[in-house]
Protein backbone atom coordinates (compact mmCIF):
# COMPACT_ATOMS: atom_id res chain seq x y z
CA MET A 1 166.95 -29.63 117.17
CA TYR A 2 166.81 -33.07 118.52
CA ARG A 3 164.66 -32.00 121.18
CA ARG A 4 162.07 -31.11 118.55
CA LEU A 5 162.12 -34.63 117.08
CA PRO A 6 159.56 -36.00 119.46
CA VAL A 7 157.09 -33.15 118.56
CA LEU A 8 157.54 -33.54 114.82
CA LEU A 9 157.40 -37.27 114.99
CA ALA A 10 154.12 -37.13 116.87
CA VAL A 11 152.80 -34.43 114.53
CA VAL A 12 153.52 -36.76 111.56
CA LEU A 13 152.00 -39.73 113.08
CA SER A 14 148.81 -37.85 113.99
CA ALA A 15 148.55 -36.39 110.56
CA GLY A 16 149.01 -39.78 108.88
CA LEU A 17 146.46 -41.43 111.27
CA LEU A 18 143.87 -38.71 110.22
CA THR A 19 144.37 -38.95 106.61
CA VAL A 20 144.47 -42.52 105.95
CA GLY A 21 140.95 -43.76 105.26
CA CYS A 22 141.25 -47.23 106.66
CA ASN A 23 143.74 -48.33 109.21
CA ILE A 24 144.08 -50.82 112.15
CA PHE A 25 143.90 -48.08 114.63
CA ASP A 26 140.37 -47.03 113.46
CA TRP A 27 137.86 -49.71 114.87
CA ALA A 28 134.86 -48.09 113.02
CA ALA A 29 134.17 -44.68 111.36
CA GLU A 30 131.32 -42.81 112.61
CA ASP A 31 127.88 -43.99 111.15
CA ASP A 32 129.25 -47.17 109.97
CA PRO A 33 126.11 -49.36 110.29
CA ILE A 34 128.00 -52.64 109.65
CA ALA A 35 130.50 -52.05 112.39
CA GLU A 36 127.81 -50.97 114.61
CA GLY A 37 125.65 -53.93 113.78
CA ASN A 38 128.57 -56.33 114.58
CA ALA A 39 129.05 -54.50 117.92
CA LEU A 40 125.41 -55.33 118.65
CA MET A 41 125.55 -58.85 117.68
CA ARG A 42 128.46 -59.41 120.12
CA GLU A 43 126.28 -57.81 122.79
CA GLY A 44 123.42 -60.13 121.83
CA ASP A 45 121.02 -57.48 120.57
CA TYR A 46 120.08 -59.19 117.67
CA ALA A 47 117.01 -57.16 116.68
CA ALA A 48 118.93 -53.94 117.03
CA ALA A 49 121.91 -55.37 114.82
CA ALA A 50 119.39 -56.54 112.12
CA GLU A 51 118.13 -52.96 111.88
CA GLN A 52 121.75 -51.56 111.33
CA PHE A 53 122.57 -54.26 108.85
CA ALA A 54 118.99 -53.38 107.06
CA LYS A 55 120.36 -49.75 107.11
CA ALA A 56 123.55 -50.79 105.38
CA MET A 57 121.39 -52.75 102.86
CA ASP A 58 119.35 -49.77 101.97
CA GLU A 59 122.50 -47.71 101.39
CA ASP A 60 124.11 -50.42 99.17
CA PRO A 61 121.87 -53.35 98.22
CA GLU A 62 124.77 -55.03 96.42
CA ASN A 63 126.95 -55.23 99.85
CA SER A 64 127.46 -58.86 100.49
CA ASP A 65 128.66 -58.24 104.03
CA ALA A 66 125.34 -56.23 104.90
CA ARG A 67 123.26 -59.06 103.37
CA TYR A 68 125.20 -62.02 105.06
CA TYR A 69 125.13 -60.30 108.48
CA HIS A 70 121.53 -59.22 108.14
CA ALA A 71 120.45 -62.78 107.38
CA LYS A 72 122.59 -63.95 110.56
CA ALA A 73 121.10 -61.34 112.78
CA VAL A 74 117.37 -62.12 111.59
CA ILE A 75 117.89 -65.91 112.46
CA HIS A 76 119.28 -64.98 115.81
CA ALA A 77 116.74 -62.59 116.54
CA SER A 78 113.90 -65.18 115.76
CA GLY A 79 115.53 -67.33 118.66
CA PHE A 80 116.72 -70.10 116.33
CA ASN A 81 120.45 -70.37 116.19
CA ALA A 82 121.99 -73.37 114.63
CA LEU A 83 122.77 -75.20 118.17
CA ARG A 84 118.95 -74.50 119.47
CA LEU A 85 117.38 -75.47 115.97
CA GLY A 86 119.46 -78.76 115.71
CA SER A 87 118.78 -79.83 119.21
CA GLU A 88 115.02 -79.31 118.79
CA LEU A 89 114.82 -81.07 115.45
CA GLU A 90 116.70 -83.97 116.95
CA GLU A 91 114.07 -84.17 119.74
CA ASP A 92 111.08 -83.45 117.21
CA GLU A 93 108.23 -85.82 116.81
CA PHE A 94 109.25 -86.43 113.14
CA ALA A 95 112.34 -88.24 114.43
CA SER A 96 110.34 -90.85 116.22
CA ASN A 97 106.90 -90.49 115.09
CA ASP A 98 107.54 -90.21 111.34
CA LEU A 99 106.42 -86.62 110.82
CA LEU A 100 108.03 -83.94 108.78
CA PRO A 101 110.14 -81.43 110.43
CA PHE A 102 108.29 -78.51 111.70
CA PHE A 103 105.12 -80.37 112.04
CA GLY A 104 103.26 -81.73 115.19
CA ASP A 105 102.64 -80.44 118.68
CA ASN A 106 106.30 -79.28 119.16
CA TRP A 107 105.80 -76.80 116.26
CA PRO A 108 102.46 -74.64 117.22
CA ASP A 109 101.63 -71.85 114.77
CA GLU A 110 103.59 -69.00 116.58
CA LYS A 111 106.75 -70.84 116.68
CA ALA A 112 106.57 -72.11 113.00
CA ASN A 113 105.67 -68.64 111.77
CA ARG A 114 108.54 -67.16 113.80
CA LEU A 115 111.13 -69.43 112.02
CA PHE A 116 109.31 -69.30 108.39
CA GLY A 117 109.45 -65.29 108.58
CA ALA A 118 113.23 -65.51 109.53
CA VAL A 119 114.02 -67.93 106.92
CA ARG A 120 112.36 -66.28 104.12
CA THR A 121 114.14 -63.02 104.99
CA ALA A 122 117.38 -64.81 105.30
CA VAL A 123 116.88 -66.48 101.70
CA ASP A 124 116.00 -63.08 100.27
CA ASP A 125 119.25 -61.65 101.77
CA LEU A 126 121.51 -64.43 100.49
CA ARG A 127 120.27 -65.22 97.10
CA PRO A 128 121.84 -62.22 95.45
CA ILE A 129 125.08 -63.28 96.87
CA TRP A 130 124.74 -66.81 95.37
CA ASP A 131 123.77 -65.31 92.14
CA GLY A 132 127.08 -63.20 91.79
CA LYS A 133 125.25 -60.00 92.08
CA THR A 134 127.21 -58.50 95.04
CA HIS A 135 130.53 -57.25 96.20
CA GLY A 136 132.25 -57.63 99.45
CA ASN A 137 133.75 -60.16 101.69
CA PHE A 138 131.17 -62.81 100.95
CA GLY A 139 130.74 -64.78 97.84
CA PRO A 140 128.72 -67.78 96.62
CA ARG A 141 131.07 -70.34 98.09
CA ASP A 142 130.73 -68.69 101.55
CA ILE A 143 127.09 -69.02 101.95
CA ASP A 144 126.19 -72.02 99.71
CA LEU A 145 125.24 -74.38 102.75
CA ASP A 146 123.61 -71.67 104.66
CA LEU A 147 121.49 -70.92 101.57
CA ALA A 148 120.63 -74.75 100.63
CA LEU A 149 119.50 -75.39 104.33
CA LEU A 150 117.47 -72.21 104.61
CA VAL A 151 115.72 -72.92 101.23
CA GLY A 152 115.21 -76.63 102.23
CA MET A 153 113.48 -75.41 105.47
CA ARG A 154 111.42 -72.90 103.49
CA SER A 155 110.22 -75.82 101.25
CA ILE A 156 109.04 -77.76 104.33
CA LEU A 157 107.42 -74.63 106.03
CA GLN A 158 105.69 -73.85 102.97
CA TRP A 159 103.18 -76.50 103.36
CA ARG A 160 101.85 -74.78 106.31
CA ASP A 161 101.42 -71.41 104.46
CA ILE A 162 98.74 -72.66 102.05
CA ASP A 163 97.25 -69.16 101.43
CA PHE A 164 100.78 -67.87 100.20
CA ASP A 165 100.50 -64.75 102.52
CA GLY A 166 103.86 -65.22 104.01
CA THR A 167 102.62 -66.17 107.42
CA ILE A 168 101.54 -69.42 109.39
CA GLY A 169 98.38 -69.17 111.46
CA PRO A 170 95.18 -70.47 112.27
CA ASP A 171 93.69 -69.56 108.83
CA ASP A 172 96.21 -71.95 107.09
CA PHE A 173 94.83 -75.36 106.37
CA GLN A 174 96.84 -78.06 108.40
CA PHE A 175 97.99 -80.88 106.09
CA ASP A 176 98.54 -84.22 107.77
CA ILE A 177 101.84 -85.45 106.22
CA GLU A 178 103.44 -88.59 107.64
CA TRP A 179 105.65 -91.39 106.77
CA PHE A 180 103.84 -94.06 104.58
CA GLU A 181 104.94 -97.42 103.97
CA GLY A 182 103.40 -98.22 100.42
CA PHE A 183 103.52 -101.64 98.47
CA ASN A 184 105.86 -100.31 95.83
CA ALA A 185 107.69 -97.55 97.62
CA ASP A 186 107.92 -95.60 100.92
CA GLY A 187 107.77 -91.85 101.66
CA PHE A 188 105.87 -89.04 103.15
CA ALA A 189 102.13 -89.38 102.48
CA LEU A 190 99.40 -86.73 102.46
CA LYS A 191 96.40 -88.13 104.25
CA ASN A 192 93.93 -85.40 104.30
CA LEU A 193 94.06 -83.93 100.80
CA ALA A 194 90.16 -84.58 100.28
CA GLU A 195 89.32 -82.65 103.24
CA TYR A 196 91.13 -79.53 101.68
CA ILE A 197 90.12 -80.08 98.03
CA SER A 198 86.55 -80.43 98.94
CA ALA A 199 86.34 -77.85 101.34
CA ASP A 200 83.80 -74.69 101.25
CA LYS A 201 81.56 -76.75 98.89
CA SER A 202 77.91 -75.55 98.50
CA ALA A 203 76.80 -79.13 97.82
CA GLY A 204 77.62 -82.38 96.34
CA ASP A 205 79.61 -85.79 97.52
CA ALA A 206 82.58 -84.39 99.71
CA ASP A 207 84.52 -87.50 98.48
CA LEU A 208 84.40 -86.53 94.85
CA LEU A 209 83.59 -83.03 94.13
CA CYS A 210 86.50 -80.45 94.37
CA ASN A 211 86.60 -76.75 94.96
CA PRO A 212 88.47 -75.44 91.85
CA ALA A 213 89.90 -72.65 93.71
CA HIS A 214 91.38 -75.05 96.27
CA VAL A 215 92.74 -77.35 93.24
CA ALA A 216 94.51 -74.22 91.76
CA ILE A 217 96.10 -73.15 95.10
CA PHE A 218 97.19 -76.80 95.90
CA ASN A 219 98.95 -77.07 92.50
CA GLU A 220 100.64 -73.56 92.92
CA LEU A 221 101.92 -74.84 96.31
CA VAL A 222 103.23 -77.99 94.81
CA ASP A 223 105.06 -76.11 91.99
CA SER A 224 106.38 -73.84 94.40
CA VAL A 225 107.76 -76.49 96.87
CA SER A 226 109.40 -78.43 93.88
CA THR A 227 111.14 -75.41 92.42
CA ASN A 228 112.74 -74.62 96.08
CA ILE A 229 113.73 -78.16 96.47
CA ASP A 230 115.36 -78.30 92.89
CA PHE A 231 117.15 -75.11 93.79
CA THR A 232 118.50 -76.71 97.13
CA ALA A 233 119.52 -79.98 95.37
CA ASP A 234 121.49 -77.95 92.91
CA VAL A 235 123.27 -76.00 95.52
CA LEU A 236 123.98 -79.22 97.69
CA THR A 237 125.33 -81.04 94.63
CA GLN A 238 127.75 -78.21 94.09
CA ILE A 239 128.78 -78.47 97.61
CA LEU A 240 129.55 -82.22 97.10
CA SER A 241 131.36 -81.70 93.72
CA ASP A 242 133.79 -79.13 95.67
CA SER A 243 134.58 -81.97 98.13
CA VAL A 244 134.63 -79.62 101.08
CA GLY A 245 133.85 -81.03 104.50
CA VAL A 246 130.96 -79.87 106.16
CA ASP A 247 129.35 -80.60 109.58
CA ILE A 248 126.20 -82.28 108.13
CA ASP A 249 125.39 -85.29 106.03
CA VAL A 250 124.45 -83.42 102.63
CA ASP A 251 123.27 -86.87 101.12
CA VAL A 252 120.72 -87.36 104.12
CA VAL A 253 119.30 -83.88 103.65
CA LYS A 254 119.04 -84.35 99.81
CA GLU A 255 117.24 -87.67 100.45
CA MET A 256 114.76 -86.04 102.92
CA LEU A 257 114.00 -83.05 100.58
CA GLY A 258 113.63 -85.66 97.73
CA PHE A 259 110.96 -87.32 99.69
CA VAL A 260 109.19 -83.99 100.34
CA LYS A 261 109.28 -83.25 96.61
CA ASP A 262 107.82 -86.78 95.86
CA VAL A 263 104.84 -85.77 98.01
CA ALA A 264 104.39 -82.71 96.35
CA HIS A 265 104.73 -84.00 92.87
CA MET A 266 102.62 -87.26 93.23
CA TYR A 267 99.54 -85.31 94.56
CA LYS A 268 98.90 -82.90 92.15
CA VAL A 269 95.51 -82.67 91.00
CA ASN A 270 93.55 -82.68 87.44
CA ASP A 271 96.89 -81.77 85.62
CA GLY A 272 96.75 -84.52 82.99
CA ASP A 273 100.43 -85.71 84.07
CA ASP A 274 101.57 -89.18 85.35
CA ASN A 275 102.78 -87.70 88.70
CA ASP A 276 103.58 -91.00 90.17
CA TYR A 277 105.25 -92.57 87.29
CA ASP A 278 103.12 -95.70 86.75
CA GLY A 279 102.07 -95.16 83.27
CA GLN A 280 98.60 -93.85 84.09
CA TYR A 281 97.30 -90.17 84.30
CA ASN A 282 95.08 -88.95 87.23
CA GLU A 283 93.94 -92.35 87.83
CA GLU A 284 92.84 -91.92 91.58
CA GLU A 285 89.70 -90.45 92.76
CA ILE A 286 90.15 -88.22 95.76
CA ASP A 287 88.19 -90.41 98.08
CA LEU A 288 90.69 -91.73 100.79
CA ILE A 289 90.73 -95.20 98.81
CA ASP A 290 93.55 -96.87 97.05
CA ASN A 291 91.78 -96.86 93.58
CA ASP A 292 94.76 -98.22 91.67
CA GLY A 293 95.85 -100.83 94.21
CA ASP A 294 99.63 -99.51 94.46
CA GLY A 295 99.47 -98.75 98.26
CA TRP A 296 99.18 -95.18 98.03
CA ILE A 297 95.79 -93.11 98.61
CA ASP A 298 94.61 -90.07 96.49
CA GLU A 299 97.94 -89.68 94.66
CA ASP A 300 98.01 -88.69 90.76
CA SER A 301 94.39 -87.77 91.27
CA GLN A 302 91.29 -86.25 89.51
CA CYS A 303 88.10 -84.89 90.93
CA GLN A 304 85.03 -83.49 89.39
CA GLU A 305 84.76 -79.84 90.06
CA ILE A 306 81.88 -78.34 91.48
């Protein structure tokens, strides 16, 4: 009888391994796209990994693991991991020449568009996790800093997608946004608003007459950027209130995004609001002149429509 014990033990163990659904001996069930995606990530095949995670999202849109890993794979597939992106931003012109991040000669359309597309996809992946609409191993606290930084980057890059088609290319108007030292306040200034607002006119004074379609698009851009920055600030505030150590200075990020929002808010056109908080309403003409003498040009502006 005792000679049969090893055989019986082997039968019992094998039966147990086959009948238990999840156990440490099973690395991955067949056709498990998340496991396959993670294996591809380890191999450095990020595009193929993203396809596997997308498959998992199609099967279960509320799976936070699929959403998180898809966002990660898409960012890596674009060529912008955290180390490279951080290094490039430190070397960018904005650090020394007062340009916004993702602007200037170091960020041609193709490069900016590649990052913009990845960031937009990653935000769409992570937002349901933040909103508490998913299940799995990742919750809002696990992705809050990632989401805040992604939405912040999208807010800045949106200035380069003026036609809202989701891509940055030669058909998009190039705004000239640089650091500006005003008499009463400093910040990022929009230096060529008149060129965009007066574009495609059939006749008239280019400094004073505005294309109404461009005014509407510009104001929509301002609202979109402002909404995204408000959301980012809310997430960063939550991170600070939790007193959890992070590898970046959250206050610095909030300050920079605040400047971007100020640019957006101050330059709305023909909306009847006091956008620069000086007690006047749409007092500037879009003429590249400081009409109200506050050191800023063409902010809180009005123009006569064609």
